[in-house]
Amino acid sequence: MDVEDLQDVEILQNRKRLSLGELSSIAFANKTKQAFLTDDQKARRLAERVLQPDHVQTIPHLFGWLLFTGALQDSDKDCVIGEHAAMKRPLGRFFEEMYLSALEQRLKSKLCGEQS
């Protein structure tokens, strides 16, 4: 990255108390056309305006993907949510939603595989 990437007017105008780490990560994701992952709602909203919408993902998205692929097991869910809550982070409800979504997608994937 170079200085011009970090000076993107859209990002700087809308930074609204975002950390330099979040801003530089958005700029890097924009330059390299990669996904941006965050659990900060302000950073997510800004990134959705700067990047392609499907390139902005959240920690609950990652949690759901790890469950769907089997990297995390169903038995890991409560532990992850508990650790997150212990750090006073407010995403437990979204983890629960993603857990259910991952189960649904796993079932759909399995049913589609059986029909083939």
Protein backbone atom coordinates (compact mmCIF):
# COMPACT_ATOMS: atom_id res chain seq x y z
CA MET A 1 0.00 0.00 0.00
CA ASP A 2 1.07 3.54 -0.50
CA VAL A 3 0.03 6.85 1.03
CA GLU A 4 -2.53 7.53 -1.67
CA ASP A 5 -4.43 4.36 -0.73
CA LEU A 6 -4.71 5.56 2.86
CA GLN A 7 -5.80 9.02 1.75
CA ASP A 8 -8.88 7.81 -0.10
CA VAL A 9 -11.26 10.74 0.32
CA GLU A 10 -14.32 8.53 0.86
CA ILE A 11 -12.67 6.70 3.73
CA LEU A 12 -11.24 9.81 5.39
CA GLN A 13 -14.47 11.77 5.12
CA ASN A 14 -16.46 9.02 6.76
CA ARG A 15 -14.05 7.71 9.36
CA LYS A 16 -16.19 8.83 12.32
CA ARG A 17 -13.98 7.72 15.17
CA LEU A 18 -12.78 4.53 13.52
CA SER A 19 -9.34 3.31 14.46
CA LEU A 20 -6.49 3.72 12.03
CA GLY A 21 -6.31 -0.07 11.94
CA GLU A 22 -9.89 -0.35 10.69
CA LEU A 23 -9.37 2.44 8.16
CA SER A 24 -6.14 1.00 6.81
CA SER A 25 -7.71 -2.47 6.64
CA ILE A 26 -10.60 -1.09 4.57
CA ALA A 27 -8.13 0.70 2.29
CA PHE A 28 -6.04 -2.47 1.94
CA ALA A 29 -9.10 -4.62 1.19
CA ASN A 30 -10.21 -2.07 -1.40
CA LYS A 31 -6.82 -1.97 -3.11
CA THR A 32 -6.34 -5.74 -3.17
CA LYS A 33 -10.02 -6.59 -3.85
CA GLN A 34 -10.10 -8.83 -0.77
CA ALA A 35 -12.75 -9.29 1.89
CA PHE A 36 -12.81 -7.08 4.97
CA LEU A 37 -13.66 -8.78 8.28
CA THR A 38 -14.79 -6.79 11.32
CA ASP A 39 -17.01 -6.85 14.38
CA ASP A 40 -17.20 -3.04 14.50
CA GLN A 41 -20.57 -1.82 13.19
CA LYS A 42 -19.31 1.61 12.12
CA ALA A 43 -16.41 0.05 10.23
CA ARG A 44 -18.78 -2.43 8.59
CA ARG A 45 -21.14 0.33 7.43
CA LEU A 46 -18.26 2.35 5.99
CA ALA A 47 -16.75 -0.70 4.31
CA GLU A 48 -20.11 -1.55 2.73
CA ARG A 49 -20.06 1.87 1.05
CA VAL A 50 -16.44 1.61 -0.09
CA LEU A 51 -16.15 -2.08 -1.01
CA GLN A 52 -18.36 -4.49 -2.89
CA PRO A 53 -21.09 -5.61 -0.46
CA ASP A 54 -20.09 -9.29 -0.62
CA HIS A 55 -16.54 -8.32 0.39
CA VAL A 56 -17.64 -7.15 3.85
CA GLN A 57 -17.98 -9.86 6.44
CA THR A 58 -18.46 -10.00 10.19
CA ILE A 59 -17.15 -12.22 12.97
CA PRO A 60 -20.56 -13.97 13.11
CA HIS A 61 -20.16 -14.72 9.36
CA LEU A 62 -16.82 -16.35 10.11
CA PHE A 63 -18.36 -18.29 13.01
CA GLY A 64 -21.13 -19.57 10.72
CA TRP A 65 -18.65 -20.58 8.03
CA LEU A 66 -16.47 -22.46 10.52
CA LEU A 67 -19.55 -24.33 11.76
CA PHE A 68 -20.76 -25.07 8.22
CA THR A 69 -17.40 -26.47 7.12
CA GLY A 70 -16.93 -28.50 10.30
CA ALA A 71 -13.93 -26.57 11.59
CA LEU A 72 -16.09 -25.90 14.66
CA GLN A 73 -18.48 -28.48 16.03
CA ASP A 74 -21.93 -27.93 17.48
CA SER A 75 -20.44 -28.49 20.92
CA ASP A 76 -18.13 -25.48 20.39
CA LYS A 77 -21.01 -23.02 20.03
CA ASP A 78 -21.72 -22.36 23.70
CA CYS A 79 -18.02 -22.07 24.52
CA VAL A 80 -17.43 -19.48 21.78
CA ILE A 81 -20.51 -17.49 22.75
CA GLY A 82 -19.56 -17.67 26.43
CA GLU A 83 -16.01 -16.46 25.82
CA HIS A 84 -17.32 -13.65 23.66
CA ALA A 85 -19.80 -12.60 26.38
CA ALA A 86 -17.05 -12.75 29.01
CA MET A 87 -15.18 -10.12 26.99
CA LYS A 88 -18.31 -7.95 27.14
CA ARG A 89 -18.89 -8.15 23.40
CA PRO A 90 -22.52 -7.84 22.21
CA LEU A 91 -22.68 -10.36 19.39
CA GLY A 92 -24.11 -13.44 21.14
CA ARG A 93 -27.50 -13.05 19.44
CA PHE A 94 -25.81 -12.94 16.02
CA PHE A 95 -23.72 -16.02 16.82
CA GLU A 96 -26.94 -17.86 17.67
CA GLU A 97 -28.52 -16.74 14.37
CA MET A 98 -25.45 -17.84 12.42
CA TYR A 99 -25.41 -21.18 14.20
CA LEU A 100 -28.98 -21.85 13.08
CA SER A 101 -28.18 -20.65 9.57
CA ALA A 102 -25.12 -22.94 9.39
CA LEU A 103 -27.27 -25.90 10.47
CA GLU A 104 -29.85 -25.04 7.83
CA GLN A 105 -27.22 -24.72 5.10
CA ARG A 106 -25.57 -27.99 6.17
CA LEU A 107 -28.93 -29.76 5.93
CA LYS A 108 -29.69 -28.24 2.51
CA SER A 109 -26.21 -29.24 1.30
CA LYS A 110 -26.69 -32.77 2.54
CA LEU A 111 -30.16 -33.06 0.95
CA CYS A 112 -28.88 -31.73 -2.38
CA GLY A 113 -26.02 -34.26 -2.26
CA GLU A 114 -28.45 -37.14 -1.66
CA GLN A 115 -30.61 -36.12 -4.62
CA SER A 116 -27.71 -36.33 -7.06
